[in-house]
Amino acid sequence: MKCNLEGKEYRVFGYKGKQVRDQIHAVDVVRALHAFIEQPRPGEVYNIGGGRENSASILECIQTAEARLGRPFRYEYVPEHRRGDHICYISNLRKLRAHYPSWSLTRDLSSIWDELLAA
């Protein structure tokens, strides 16, 4: 989004831009940490991210930025993916949600986009 707003070119590395990541707002990360601090479970390990409902590919993010800003997104495609990169990462939130049922995502992907634009 920032690259499009500033007219800068973005580099997409490998996988034809179809690599998927989940997105999470910092507020929801802090809320998860707060839940843990309030009811610690020493030794437990949790995944934290936006989960499947807040996931998108790089190409989907580019298309969203173009649609929201009403202008083309400048990007360069580099066929070689970055070392260690993977095509899809979506956090499994089941354990976190089971241990902390009062925690949930409060910001969906659309509201994250809205906030990025407002900033």
PDB file of N, CA and C in Angstrom:
ATOM      1  N   MET A   1       0.840  -1.187   0.000  1.00  0.00           N
ATOM      2  CA  MET A   1       0.000   0.000   0.000  1.00  0.00           C
ATOM      3  C   MET A   1       0.882   1.246   0.000  1.00  0.00           C
ATOM      4  N   LYS A   2       1.912   1.232   0.854  1.00  0.00           N
ATOM      5  CA  LYS A   2       2.791   2.397   0.953  1.00  0.00           C
ATOM      6  C   LYS A   2       3.503   2.657  -0.375  1.00  0.00           C
ATOM      7  N   CYS A   3       3.978   1.593  -1.022  1.00  0.00           N
ATOM      8  CA  CYS A   3       4.645   1.763  -2.319  1.00  0.00           C
ATOM      9  C   CYS A   3       3.704   2.402  -3.331  1.00  0.00           C
ATOM     10  N   ASN A   4       2.462   1.951  -3.364  1.00  0.00           N
ATOM     11  CA  ASN A   4       1.505   2.504  -4.315  1.00  0.00           C
ATOM     12  C   ASN A   4       1.214   3.967  -3.993  1.00  0.00           C
ATOM     13  N   LEU A   5       1.031   4.279  -2.729  1.00  0.00           N
ATOM     14  CA  LEU A   5       0.771   5.661  -2.333  1.00  0.00           C
ATOM     15  C   LEU A   5       1.928   6.584  -2.703  1.00  0.00           C
ATOM     16  N   GLU A   6       3.164   6.080  -2.555  1.00  0.00           N
ATOM     17  CA  GLU A   6       4.344   6.894  -2.820  1.00  0.00           C
ATOM     18  C   GLU A   6       4.850   6.767  -4.250  1.00  0.00           C
ATOM     19  N   GLY A   7       4.165   5.950  -5.073  1.00  0.00           N
ATOM     20  CA  GLY A   7       4.578   5.777  -6.463  1.00  0.00           C
ATOM     21  C   GLY A   7       5.856   4.988  -6.625  1.00  0.00           C
ATOM     22  N   LYS A   8       6.227   4.220  -5.612  1.00  0.00           N
ATOM     23  CA  LYS A   8       7.452   3.426  -5.670  1.00  0.00           C
ATOM     24  C   LYS A   8       7.163   2.044  -6.261  1.00  0.00           C
ATOM     25  N   GLU A   9       8.196   1.470  -6.828  1.00  0.00           N
ATOM     26  CA  GLU A   9       8.055   0.126  -7.381  1.00  0.00           C
ATOM     27  C   GLU A   9       8.293  -0.913  -6.293  1.00  0.00           C
ATOM     28  N   TYR A  10       7.499  -1.965  -6.327  1.00  0.00           N
ATOM     29  CA  TYR A  10       7.585  -3.071  -5.361  1.00  0.00           C
ATOM     30  C   TYR A  10       8.148  -4.285  -6.089  1.00  0.00           C
ATOM     31  N   ARG A  11       8.950  -5.076  -5.419  1.00  0.00           N
ATOM     32  CA  ARG A  11       9.488  -6.299  -6.008  1.00  0.00           C
ATOM     33  C   ARG A  11       8.749  -7.512  -5.476  1.00  0.00           C
ATOM     34  N   VAL A  12       8.290  -8.336  -6.394  1.00  0.00           N
ATOM     35  CA  VAL A  12       7.642  -9.600  -6.063  1.00  0.00           C
ATOM     36  C   VAL A  12       8.628 -10.702  -6.435  1.00  0.00           C
ATOM     37  N   PHE A  13       9.000 -11.517  -5.441  1.00  0.00           N
ATOM     38  CA  PHE A  13      10.000 -12.555  -5.661  1.00  0.00           C
ATOM     39  C   PHE A  13       9.359 -13.939  -5.763  1.00  0.00           C
ATOM     40  N   GLY A  14       9.384 -14.501  -6.952  1.00  0.00           N
ATOM     41  CA  GLY A  14       9.007 -15.889  -7.163  1.00  0.00           C
ATOM     42  C   GLY A  14       7.547 -16.226  -6.975  1.00  0.00           C
ATOM     43  N   TYR A  15       7.261 -17.498  -7.207  1.00  0.00           N
ATOM     44  CA  TYR A  15       5.926 -18.098  -7.033  1.00  0.00           C
ATOM     45  C   TYR A  15       4.828 -17.357  -7.787  1.00  0.00           C
ATOM     46  N   LYS A  16       5.213 -16.573  -8.784  1.00  0.00           N
ATOM     47  CA  LYS A  16       4.263 -15.804  -9.606  1.00  0.00           C
ATOM     48  C   LYS A  16       3.406 -14.842  -8.773  1.00  0.00           C
ATOM     49  N   GLY A  17       3.888 -14.497  -7.591  1.00  0.00           N
ATOM     50  CA  GLY A  17       3.158 -13.569  -6.721  1.00  0.00           C
ATOM     51  C   GLY A  17       1.989 -14.205  -5.998  1.00  0.00           C
ATOM     52  N   LYS A  18       1.917 -15.533  -6.065  1.00  0.00           N
ATOM     53  CA  LYS A  18       0.775 -16.226  -5.465  1.00  0.00           C
ATOM     54  C   LYS A  18       1.034 -16.675  -4.030  1.00  0.00           C
ATOM     55  N   GLN A  19       2.196 -16.293  -3.477  1.00  0.00           N
ATOM     56  CA  GLN A  19       2.458 -16.688  -2.095  1.00  0.00           C
ATOM     57  C   GLN A  19       1.470 -16.000  -1.157  1.00  0.00           C
ATOM     58  N   VAL A  20       0.994 -16.766  -0.203  1.00  0.00           N
ATOM     59  CA  VAL A  20      -0.066 -16.317   0.704  1.00  0.00           C
ATOM     60  C   VAL A  20       0.504 -16.114   2.101  1.00  0.00           C
ATOM     61  N   ARG A  21       0.093 -15.038   2.722  1.00  0.00           N
ATOM     62  CA  ARG A  21       0.424 -14.768   4.120  1.00  0.00           C
ATOM     63  C   ARG A  21      -0.851 -14.315   4.819  1.00  0.00           C
ATOM     64  N   ASP A  22      -0.892 -14.586   6.112  1.00  0.00           N
ATOM     65  CA  ASP A  22      -2.022 -14.056   6.867  1.00  0.00           C
ATOM     66  C   ASP A  22      -1.605 -12.743   7.504  1.00  0.00           C
ATOM     67  N   GLN A  23      -2.574 -11.876   7.675  1.00  0.00           N
ATOM     68  CA  GLN A  23      -2.328 -10.522   8.178  1.00  0.00           C
ATOM     69  C   GLN A  23      -3.012 -10.368   9.529  1.00  0.00           C
ATOM     70  N   ILE A  24      -2.308  -9.738  10.451  1.00  0.00           N
ATOM     71  CA  ILE A  24      -2.894  -9.479  11.763  1.00  0.00           C
ATOM     72  C   ILE A  24      -2.569  -8.046  12.176  1.00  0.00           C
ATOM     73  N   HIS A  25      -3.509  -7.407  12.790  1.00  0.00           N
ATOM     74  CA  HIS A  25      -3.330  -6.044  13.279  1.00  0.00           C
ATOM     75  C   HIS A  25      -2.577  -6.099  14.609  1.00  0.00           C
ATOM     76  N   ALA A  26      -1.734  -5.111  14.851  1.00  0.00           N
ATOM     77  CA  ALA A  26      -0.958  -5.053  16.096  1.00  0.00           C
ATOM     78  C   ALA A  26      -1.857  -5.069  17.330  1.00  0.00           C
ATOM     79  N   VAL A  27      -3.034  -4.476  17.234  1.00  0.00           N
ATOM     80  CA  VAL A  27      -3.973  -4.475  18.360  1.00  0.00           C
ATOM     81  C   VAL A  27      -4.320  -5.906  18.768  1.00  0.00           C
ATOM     82  N   ASP A  28      -4.528  -6.773  17.787  1.00  0.00           N
ATOM     83  CA  ASP A  28      -4.884  -8.158  18.093  1.00  0.00           C
ATOM     84  C   ASP A  28      -3.700  -8.947  18.654  1.00  0.00           C
ATOM     85  N   VAL A  29      -2.491  -8.609  18.237  1.00  0.00           N
ATOM     86  CA  VAL A  29      -1.298  -9.235  18.815  1.00  0.00           C
ATOM     87  C   VAL A  29      -1.190  -8.844  20.288  1.00  0.00           C
ATOM     88  N   VAL A  30      -1.339  -7.564  20.576  1.00  0.00           N
ATOM     89  CA  VAL A  30      -1.260  -7.079  21.959  1.00  0.00           C
ATOM     90  C   VAL A  30      -2.368  -7.701  22.810  1.00  0.00           C
ATOM     91  N   ARG A  31      -3.555  -7.839  22.259  1.00  0.00           N
ATOM     92  CA  ARG A  31      -4.662  -8.460  22.999  1.00  0.00           C
ATOM     93  C   ARG A  31      -4.338  -9.915  23.342  1.00  0.00           C
ATOM     94  N   ALA A  32      -3.683 -10.631  22.432  1.00  0.00           N
ATOM     95  CA  ALA A  32      -3.293 -12.021  22.702  1.00  0.00           C
ATOM     96  C   ALA A  32      -2.240 -12.065  23.806  1.00  0.00           C
ATOM     97  N   LEU A  33      -1.274 -11.165  23.745  1.00  0.00           N
ATOM     98  CA  LEU A  33      -0.248 -11.104  24.793  1.00  0.00           C
ATOM     99  C   LEU A  33      -0.870 -10.773  26.144  1.00  0.00           C
ATOM    100  N   HIS A  34      -1.816  -9.859  26.133  1.00  0.00           N
ATOM    101  CA  HIS A  34      -2.495  -9.474  27.369  1.00  0.00           C
ATOM    102  C   HIS A  34      -3.255 -10.670  27.956  1.00  0.00           C
ATOM    103  N   ALA A  35      -3.937 -11.424  27.107  1.00  0.00           N
ATOM    104  CA  ALA A  35      -4.665 -12.609  27.577  1.00  0.00           C
ATOM    105  C   ALA A  35      -3.705 -13.599  28.226  1.00  0.00           C
ATOM    106  N   PHE A  36      -2.542 -13.781  27.622  1.00  0.00           N
ATOM    107  CA  PHE A  36      -1.543 -14.692  28.175  1.00  0.00           C
ATOM    108  C   PHE A  36      -1.018 -14.180  29.524  1.00  0.00           C
ATOM    109  N   ILE A  37      -0.750 -12.887  29.605  1.00  0.00           N
ATOM    110  CA  ILE A  37      -0.249 -12.298  30.855  1.00  0.00           C
ATOM    111  C   ILE A  37      -1.272 -12.455  31.974  1.00  0.00           C
ATOM    112  N   GLU A  38      -2.538 -12.279  31.622  1.00  0.00           N
ATOM    113  CA  GLU A  38      -3.612 -12.408  32.615  1.00  0.00           C
ATOM    114  C   GLU A  38      -3.774 -13.849  33.107  1.00  0.00           C
ATOM    115  N   GLN A  39      -3.568 -14.813  32.232  1.00  0.00           N
ATOM    116  CA  GLN A  39      -3.700 -16.229  32.592  1.00  0.00           C
ATOM    117  C   GLN A  39      -2.547 -17.012  31.956  1.00  0.00           C
ATOM    118  N   PRO A  40      -1.345 -16.870  32.516  1.00  0.00           N
ATOM    119  CA  PRO A  40      -0.175 -17.504  31.901  1.00  0.00           C
ATOM    120  C   PRO A  40      -0.277 -19.031  31.867  1.00  0.00           C
ATOM    121  N   ARG A  41       0.274 -19.598  30.839  1.00  0.00           N
ATOM    122  CA  ARG A  41       0.379 -21.042  30.684  1.00  0.00           C
ATOM    123  C   ARG A  41       1.837 -21.322  30.344  1.00  0.00           C
ATOM    124  N   PRO A  42       2.700 -21.354  31.371  1.00  0.00           N
ATOM    125  CA  PRO A  42       4.142 -21.510  31.147  1.00  0.00           C
ATOM    126  C   PRO A  42       4.451 -22.733  30.282  1.00  0.00           C
ATOM    127  N   GLY A  43       5.363 -22.526  29.342  1.00  0.00           N
ATOM    128  CA  GLY A  43       5.822 -23.606  28.479  1.00  0.00           C
ATOM    129  C   GLY A  43       4.987 -23.811  27.225  1.00  0.00           C
ATOM    130  N   GLU A  44       3.828 -23.189  27.136  1.00  0.00           N
ATOM    131  CA  GLU A  44       2.996 -23.339  25.945  1.00  0.00           C
ATOM    132  C   GLU A  44       3.544 -22.485  24.802  1.00  0.00           C
ATOM    133  N   VAL A  45       3.330 -22.945  23.611  1.00  0.00           N
ATOM    134  CA  VAL A  45       3.764 -22.223  22.413  1.00  0.00           C
ATOM    135  C   VAL A  45       2.536 -22.007  21.541  1.00  0.00           C
ATOM    136  N   TYR A  46       2.374 -20.778  21.045  1.00  0.00           N
ATOM    137  CA  TYR A  46       1.209 -20.435  20.249  1.00  0.00           C
ATOM    138  C   TYR A  46       1.623 -19.846  18.907  1.00  0.00           C
ATOM    139  N   ASN A  47       0.834 -20.134  17.891  1.00  0.00           N
ATOM    140  CA  ASN A  47       0.943 -19.431  16.617  1.00  0.00           C
ATOM    141  C   ASN A  47       0.066 -18.196  16.724  1.00  0.00           C
ATOM    142  N   ILE A  48       0.536 -17.107  16.161  1.00  0.00           N
ATOM    143  CA  ILE A  48      -0.304 -15.914  16.135  1.00  0.00           C
ATOM    144  C   ILE A  48      -0.200 -15.274  14.767  1.00  0.00           C
ATOM    145  N   GLY A  49      -1.334 -14.974  14.226  1.00  0.00           N
ATOM    146  CA  GLY A  49      -1.426 -14.353  12.913  1.00  0.00           C
ATOM    147  C   GLY A  49      -2.893 -14.117  12.623  1.00  0.00           C
ATOM    148  N   GLY A  50      -3.176 -13.785  11.407  1.00  0.00           N
ATOM    149  CA  GLY A  50      -4.544 -13.467  11.033  1.00  0.00           C
ATOM    150  C   GLY A  50      -5.413 -14.662  10.708  1.00  0.00           C
ATOM    151  N   GLY A  51      -4.794 -15.848  10.598  1.00  0.00           N
ATOM    152  CA  GLY A  51      -5.571 -17.033  10.263  1.00  0.00           C
ATOM    153  C   GLY A  51      -6.084 -16.998   8.835  1.00  0.00           C
ATOM    154  N   ARG A  52      -6.810 -18.028   8.483  1.00  0.00           N
ATOM    155  CA  ARG A  52      -7.313 -18.150   7.109  1.00  0.00           C
ATOM    156  C   ARG A  52      -8.204 -16.972   6.716  1.00  0.00           C
ATOM    157  N   GLU A  53      -9.014 -16.469   7.653  1.00  0.00           N
ATOM    158  CA  GLU A  53      -9.942 -15.398   7.297  1.00  0.00           C
ATOM    159  C   GLU A  53      -9.257 -14.073   6.966  1.00  0.00           C
ATOM    160  N   ASN A  54      -8.007 -13.915   7.374  1.00  0.00           N
ATOM    161  CA  ASN A  54      -7.262 -12.688   7.085  1.00  0.00           C
ATOM    162  C   ASN A  54      -6.036 -12.977   6.229  1.00  0.00           C
ATOM    163  N   SER A  55      -6.178 -13.889   5.289  1.00  0.00           N
ATOM    164  CA  SER A  55      -5.038 -14.229   4.439  1.00  0.00           C
ATOM    165  C   SER A  55      -5.265 -13.733   3.012  1.00  0.00           C
ATOM    166  N   ALA A  56      -4.160 -13.450   2.339  1.00  0.00           N
ATOM    167  CA  ALA A  56      -4.221 -12.981   0.957  1.00  0.00           C
ATOM    168  C   ALA A  56      -2.871 -13.226   0.294  1.00  0.00           C
ATOM    169  N   SER A  57      -2.910 -13.398  -1.017  1.00  0.00           N
ATOM    170  CA  SER A  57      -1.664 -13.526  -1.775  1.00  0.00           C
ATOM    171  C   SER A  57      -1.117 -12.132  -2.083  1.00  0.00           C
ATOM    172  N   ILE A  58       0.122 -12.094  -2.518  1.00  0.00           N
ATOM    173  CA  ILE A  58       0.708 -10.809  -2.905  1.00  0.00           C
ATOM    174  C   ILE A  58      -0.092 -10.198  -4.053  1.00  0.00           C
ATOM    175  N   LEU A  59      -0.461 -11.026  -5.029  1.00  0.00           N
ATOM    176  CA  LEU A  59      -1.252 -10.504  -6.155  1.00  0.00           C
ATOM    177  C   LEU A  59      -2.599  -9.954  -5.691  1.00  0.00           C
ATOM    178  N   GLU A  60      -3.238 -10.623  -4.742  1.00  0.00           N
ATOM    179  CA  GLU A  60      -4.509 -10.114  -4.213  1.00  0.00           C
ATOM    180  C   GLU A  60      -4.305  -8.776  -3.507  1.00  0.00           C
ATOM    181  N   CYS A  61      -3.201  -8.649  -2.781  1.00  0.00           N
ATOM    182  CA  CYS A  61      -2.907  -7.376  -2.108  1.00  0.00           C
ATOM    183  C   CYS A  61      -2.649  -6.265  -3.119  1.00  0.00           C
ATOM    184  N   ILE A  62      -1.942  -6.594  -4.193  1.00  0.00           N
ATOM    185  CA  ILE A  62      -1.693  -5.602  -5.250  1.00  0.00           C
ATOM    186  C   ILE A  62      -3.011  -5.168  -5.873  1.00  0.00           C
ATOM    187  N   GLN A  63      -3.882  -6.126  -6.174  1.00  0.00           N
ATOM    188  CA  GLN A  63      -5.181  -5.801  -6.765  1.00  0.00           C
ATOM    189  C   GLN A  63      -6.030  -4.947  -5.817  1.00  0.00           C
ATOM    190  N   THR A  64      -5.970  -5.257  -4.536  1.00  0.00           N
ATOM    191  CA  THR A  64      -6.720  -4.468  -3.552  1.00  0.00           C
ATOM    192  C   THR A  64      -6.189  -3.045  -3.490  1.00  0.00           C
ATOM    193  N   ALA A  65      -4.863  -2.900  -3.471  1.00  0.00           N
ATOM    194  CA  ALA A  65      -4.267  -1.559  -3.438  1.00  0.00           C
ATOM    195  C   ALA A  65      -4.673  -0.765  -4.677  1.00  0.00           C
ATOM    196  N   GLU A  66      -4.654  -1.409  -5.837  1.00  0.00           N
ATOM    197  CA  GLU A  66      -5.058  -0.718  -7.074  1.00  0.00           C
ATOM    198  C   GLU A  66      -6.515  -0.277  -7.000  1.00  0.00           C
ATOM    199  N   ALA A  67      -7.367  -1.169  -6.535  1.00  0.00           N
ATOM    200  CA  ALA A  67      -8.795  -0.853  -6.455  1.00  0.00           C
ATOM    201  C   ALA A  67      -9.066   0.255  -5.449  1.00  0.00           C
ATOM    202  N   ARG A  68      -8.420   0.194  -4.309  1.00  0.00           N
ATOM    203  CA  ARG A  68      -8.682   1.190  -3.265  1.00  0.00           C
ATOM    204  C   ARG A  68      -8.125   2.564  -3.603  1.00  0.00           C
ATOM    205  N   LEU A  69      -7.001   2.573  -4.334  1.00  0.00           N
ATOM    206  CA  LEU A  69      -6.389   3.863  -4.671  1.00  0.00           C
ATOM    207  C   LEU A  69      -6.759   4.344  -6.067  1.00  0.00           C
ATOM    208  N   GLY A  70      -7.335   3.447  -6.868  1.00  0.00           N
ATOM    209  CA  GLY A  70      -7.758   3.840  -8.205  1.00  0.00           C
ATOM    210  C   GLY A  70      -6.622   4.109  -9.167  1.00  0.00           C
ATOM    211  N   ARG A  71      -5.504   3.448  -8.961  1.00  0.00           N
ATOM    212  CA  ARG A  71      -4.386   3.610  -9.892  1.00  0.00           C
ATOM    213  C   ARG A  71      -3.554   2.328  -9.930  1.00  0.00           C
ATOM    214  N   PRO A  72      -2.820   2.143 -11.029  1.00  0.00           N
ATOM    215  CA  PRO A  72      -2.024   0.918 -11.163  1.00  0.00           C
ATOM    216  C   PRO A  72      -0.921   0.843 -10.108  1.00  0.00           C
ATOM    217  N   PHE A  73      -0.603  -0.353  -9.735  1.00  0.00           N
ATOM    218  CA  PHE A  73       0.463  -0.629  -8.766  1.00  0.00           C
ATOM    219  C   PHE A  73       1.714  -0.969  -9.560  1.00  0.00           C
ATOM    220  N   ARG A  74       2.787  -0.262  -9.327  1.00  0.00           N
ATOM    221  CA  ARG A  74       4.048  -0.525 -10.030  1.00  0.00           C
ATOM    222  C   ARG A  74       4.808  -1.625  -9.300  1.00  0.00           C
ATOM    223  N   TYR A  75       5.034  -2.724  -9.999  1.00  0.00           N
ATOM    224  CA  TYR A  75       5.837  -3.781  -9.394  1.00  0.00           C
ATOM    225  C   TYR A  75       6.665  -4.503 -10.443  1.00  0.00           C
ATOM    226  N   GLU A  76       7.762  -5.041  -9.983  1.00  0.00           N
ATOM    227  CA  GLU A  76       8.663  -5.833 -10.813  1.00  0.00           C
ATOM    228  C   GLU A  76       8.577  -7.268 -10.323  1.00  0.00           C
ATOM    229  N   TYR A  77       8.473  -8.187 -11.250  1.00  0.00           N
ATOM    230  CA  TYR A  77       8.459  -9.601 -10.882  1.00  0.00           C
ATOM    231  C   TYR A  77       9.854 -10.172 -11.071  1.00  0.00           C
ATOM    232  N   VAL A  78      10.383 -10.778 -10.016  1.00  0.00           N
ATOM    233  CA  VAL A  78      11.676 -11.456 -10.055  1.00  0.00           C
ATOM    234  C   VAL A  78      11.381 -12.947  -9.945  1.00  0.00           C
ATOM    235  N   PRO A  79      11.673 -13.741 -10.993  1.00  0.00           N
ATOM    236  CA  PRO A  79      11.274 -15.158 -11.002  1.00  0.00           C
ATOM    237  C   PRO A  79      11.842 -15.990  -9.847  1.00  0.00           C
ATOM    238  N   GLU A  80      13.015 -15.654  -9.391  1.00  0.00           N
ATOM    239  CA  GLU A  80      13.651 -16.434  -8.314  1.00  0.00           C
ATOM    240  C   GLU A  80      13.025 -16.062  -6.962  1.00  0.00           C
ATOM    241  N   HIS A  81      12.513 -17.068  -6.253  1.00  0.00           N
ATOM    242  CA  HIS A  81      11.959 -16.767  -4.928  1.00  0.00           C
ATOM    243  C   HIS A  81      13.103 -16.561  -3.936  1.00  0.00           C
ATOM    244  N   ARG A  82      12.783 -15.915  -2.850  1.00  0.00           N
ATOM    245  CA  ARG A  82      13.802 -15.670  -1.822  1.00  0.00           C
ATOM    246  C   ARG A  82      14.137 -16.970  -1.112  1.00  0.00           C
ATOM    247  N   ARG A  83      15.386 -17.157  -0.800  1.00  0.00           N
ATOM    248  CA  ARG A  83      15.833 -18.351  -0.093  1.00  0.00           C
ATOM    249  C   ARG A  83      15.073 -18.470   1.232  1.00  0.00           C
ATOM    250  N   GLY A  84      14.544 -19.648   1.480  1.00  0.00           N
ATOM    251  CA  GLY A  84      13.813 -19.888   2.723  1.00  0.00           C
ATOM    252  C   GLY A  84      12.349 -19.491   2.669  1.00  0.00           C
ATOM    253  N   ASP A  85      11.942 -18.854   1.569  1.00  0.00           N
ATOM    254  CA  ASP A  85      10.541 -18.442   1.447  1.00  0.00           C
ATOM    255  C   ASP A  85       9.678 -19.671   1.167  1.00  0.00           C
ATOM    256  N   HIS A  86       8.445 -19.585   1.447  1.00  0.00           N
ATOM    257  CA  HIS A  86       7.511 -20.671   1.169  1.00  0.00           C
ATOM    258  C   HIS A  86       6.262 -20.074   0.525  1.00  0.00           C
ATOM    259  N   ILE A  87       5.522 -20.906  -0.158  1.00  0.00           N
ATOM    260  CA  ILE A  87       4.419 -20.383  -0.956  1.00  0.00           C
ATOM    261  C   ILE A  87       3.196 -20.003  -0.119  1.00  0.00           C
ATOM    262  N   CYS A  88       3.024 -20.651   1.014  1.00  0.00           N
ATOM    263  CA  CYS A  88       1.823 -20.349   1.790  1.00  0.00           C
ATOM    264  C   CYS A  88       2.099 -20.464   3.286  1.00  0.00           C
ATOM    265  N   TYR A  89       1.743 -19.439   4.021  1.00  0.00           N
ATOM    266  CA  TYR A  89       1.789 -19.512   5.476  1.00  0.00           C
ATOM    267  C   TYR A  89       0.505 -18.900   6.027  1.00  0.00           C
ATOM    268  N   ILE A  90      -0.234 -19.729   6.725  1.00  0.00           N
ATOM    269  CA  ILE A  90      -1.440 -19.271   7.405  1.00  0.00           C
ATOM    270  C   ILE A  90      -1.376 -19.818   8.829  1.00  0.00           C
ATOM    271  N   SER A  91      -1.439 -18.944   9.802  1.00  0.00           N
ATOM    272  CA  SER A  91      -1.355 -19.348  11.203  1.00  0.00           C
ATOM    273  C   SER A  91      -2.560 -20.178  11.620  1.00  0.00           C
ATOM    274  N   ASN A  92      -2.289 -21.250  12.350  1.00  0.00           N
ATOM    275  CA  ASN A  92      -3.343 -22.075  12.930  1.00  0.00           C
ATOM    276  C   ASN A  92      -3.597 -21.524  14.333  1.00  0.00           C
ATOM    277  N   LEU A  93      -4.758 -20.939  14.527  1.00  0.00           N
ATOM    278  CA  LEU A  93      -5.075 -20.249  15.776  1.00  0.00           C
ATOM    279  C   LEU A  93      -5.889 -21.102  16.747  1.00  0.00           C
ATOM    280  N   ARG A  94      -6.117 -22.381  16.411  1.00  0.00           N
ATOM    281  CA  ARG A  94      -6.996 -23.215  17.238  1.00  0.00           C
ATOM    282  C   ARG A  94      -6.538 -23.318  18.694  1.00  0.00           C
ATOM    283  N   LYS A  95      -5.266 -23.545  18.914  1.00  0.00           N
ATOM    284  CA  LYS A  95      -4.777 -23.704  20.291  1.00  0.00           C
ATOM    285  C   LYS A  95      -4.920 -22.401  21.067  1.00  0.00           C
ATOM    286  N   LEU A  96      -4.539 -21.297  20.467  1.00  0.00           N
ATOM    287  CA  LEU A  96      -4.668 -19.993  21.123  1.00  0.00           C
ATOM    288  C   LEU A  96      -6.128 -19.717  21.466  1.00  0.00           C
ATOM    289  N   ARG A  97      -7.017 -19.992  20.521  1.00  0.00           N
ATOM    290  CA  ARG A  97      -8.445 -19.755  20.763  1.00  0.00           C
ATOM    291  C   ARG A  97      -9.009 -20.703  21.817  1.00  0.00           C
ATOM    292  N   ALA A  98      -8.519 -21.928  21.852  1.00  0.00           N
ATOM    293  CA  ALA A  98      -8.995 -22.895  22.852  1.00  0.00           C
ATOM    294  C   ALA A  98      -8.538 -22.505  24.255  1.00  0.00           C
ATOM    295  N   HIS A  99      -7.290 -22.052  24.386  1.00  0.00           N
ATOM    296  CA  HIS A  99      -6.763 -21.684  25.698  1.00  0.00           C
ATOM    297  C   HIS A  99      -7.243 -20.307  26.156  1.00  0.00           C
ATOM    298  N   TYR A 100      -7.564 -19.447  25.201  1.00  0.00           N
ATOM    299  CA  TYR A 100      -8.000 -18.083  25.529  1.00  0.00           C
ATOM    300  C   TYR A 100      -9.274 -17.765  24.730  1.00  0.00           C
ATOM    301  N   PRO A 101     -10.390 -18.367  25.106  1.00  0.00           N
ATOM    302  CA  PRO A 101     -11.626 -18.209  24.323  1.00  0.00           C
ATOM    303  C   PRO A 101     -12.157 -16.773  24.271  1.00  0.00           C
ATOM    304  N   SER A 102     -11.720 -15.913  25.174  1.00  0.00           N
ATOM    305  CA  SER A 102     -12.176 -14.525  25.118  1.00  0.00           C
ATOM    306  C   SER A 102     -11.408 -13.727  24.057  1.00  0.00           C
ATOM    307  N   TRP A 103     -10.281 -14.283  23.572  1.00  0.00           N
ATOM    308  CA  TRP A 103      -9.502 -13.605  22.536  1.00  0.00           C
ATOM    309  C   TRP A 103     -10.073 -13.940  21.165  1.00  0.00           C
ATOM    310  N   SER A 104     -10.113 -12.942  20.311  1.00  0.00           N
ATOM    311  CA  SER A 104     -10.500 -13.154  18.920  1.00  0.00           C
ATOM    312  C   SER A 104      -9.886 -12.043  18.082  1.00  0.00           C
ATOM    313  N   LEU A 105      -9.905 -12.224  16.798  1.00  0.00           N
ATOM    314  CA  LEU A 105      -9.475 -11.163  15.898  1.00  0.00           C
ATOM    315  C   LEU A 105     -10.536 -10.071  15.905  1.00  0.00           C
ATOM    316  N   THR A 106     -10.112  -8.848  16.098  1.00  0.00           N
ATOM    317  CA  THR A 106     -11.057  -7.729  16.108  1.00  0.00           C
ATOM    318  C   THR A 106     -10.960  -6.891  14.834  1.00  0.00           C
ATOM    319  N   ARG A 107      -9.892  -7.093  14.070  1.00  0.00           N
ATOM    320  CA  ARG A 107      -9.683  -6.336  12.832  1.00  0.00           C
ATOM    321  C   ARG A 107      -9.605  -7.311  11.659  1.00  0.00           C
ATOM    322  N   ASP A 108     -10.554  -7.210  10.741  1.00  0.00           N
ATOM    323  CA  ASP A 108     -10.479  -8.051   9.554  1.00  0.00           C
ATOM    324  C   ASP A 108      -9.585  -7.384   8.516  1.00  0.00           C
ATOM    325  N   LEU A 109      -9.332  -8.105   7.444  1.00  0.00           N
ATOM    326  CA  LEU A 109      -8.411  -7.612   6.432  1.00  0.00           C
ATOM    327  C   LEU A 109      -8.873  -6.283   5.837  1.00  0.00           C
ATOM    328  N   SER A 110     -10.156  -6.148   5.626  1.00  0.00           N
ATOM    329  CA  SER A 110     -10.683  -4.905   5.056  1.00  0.00           C
ATOM    330  C   SER A 110     -10.441  -3.721   5.999  1.00  0.00           C
ATOM    331  N   SER A 111     -10.625  -3.907   7.287  1.00  0.00           N
ATOM    332  CA  SER A 111     -10.401  -2.797   8.224  1.00  0.00           C
ATOM    333  C   SER A 111      -8.907  -2.483   8.360  1.00  0.00           C
ATOM    334  N   ILE A 112      -8.064  -3.498   8.198  1.00  0.00           N
ATOM    335  CA  ILE A 112      -6.603  -3.236   8.196  1.00  0.00           C
ATOM    336  C   ILE A 112      -6.257  -2.371   6.996  1.00  0.00           C
ATOM    337  N   TRP A 113      -6.816  -2.700   5.821  1.00  0.00           N
ATOM    338  CA  TRP A 113      -6.597  -1.867   4.630  1.00  0.00           C
ATOM    339  C   TRP A 113      -7.084  -0.437   4.873  1.00  0.00           C
ATOM    340  N   ASP A 114      -8.267  -0.296   5.444  1.00  0.00           N
ATOM    341  CA  ASP A 114      -8.824   1.031   5.734  1.00  0.00           C
ATOM    342  C   ASP A 114      -7.870   1.857   6.594  1.00  0.00           C
ATOM    343  N   GLU A 115      -7.332   1.204   7.622  1.00  0.00           N
ATOM    344  CA  GLU A 115      -6.440   1.919   8.532  1.00  0.00           C
ATOM    345  C   GLU A 115      -5.128   2.293   7.848  1.00  0.00           C
ATOM    346  N   LEU A 116      -4.614   1.403   7.002  1.00  0.00           N
ATOM    347  CA  LEU A 116      -3.399   1.728   6.251  1.00  0.00           C
ATOM    348  C   LEU A 116      -3.625   2.943   5.373  1.00  0.00           C
ATOM    349  N   LEU A 117      -4.753   2.988   4.727  1.00  0.00           N
ATOM    350  CA  LEU A 117      -5.061   4.134   3.864  1.00  0.00           C
ATOM    351  C   LEU A 117      -5.207   5.428   4.659  1.00  0.00           C
ATOM    352  N   ALA A 118      -5.857   5.337   5.792  1.00  0.00           N
ATOM    353  CA  ALA A 118      -6.056   6.533   6.626  1.00  0.00           C
ATOM    354  C   ALA A 118      -4.733   7.075   7.160  1.00  0.00           C
ATOM    355  N   ALA A 119      -3.811   6.172   7.436  1.00  0.00           N
ATOM    356  CA  ALA A 119      -2.504   6.596   7.974  1.00  0.00           C
ATOM    357  C   ALA A 119      -1.674   7.268   6.908  1.00  0.00           C
TER     358      ALA A 119
END
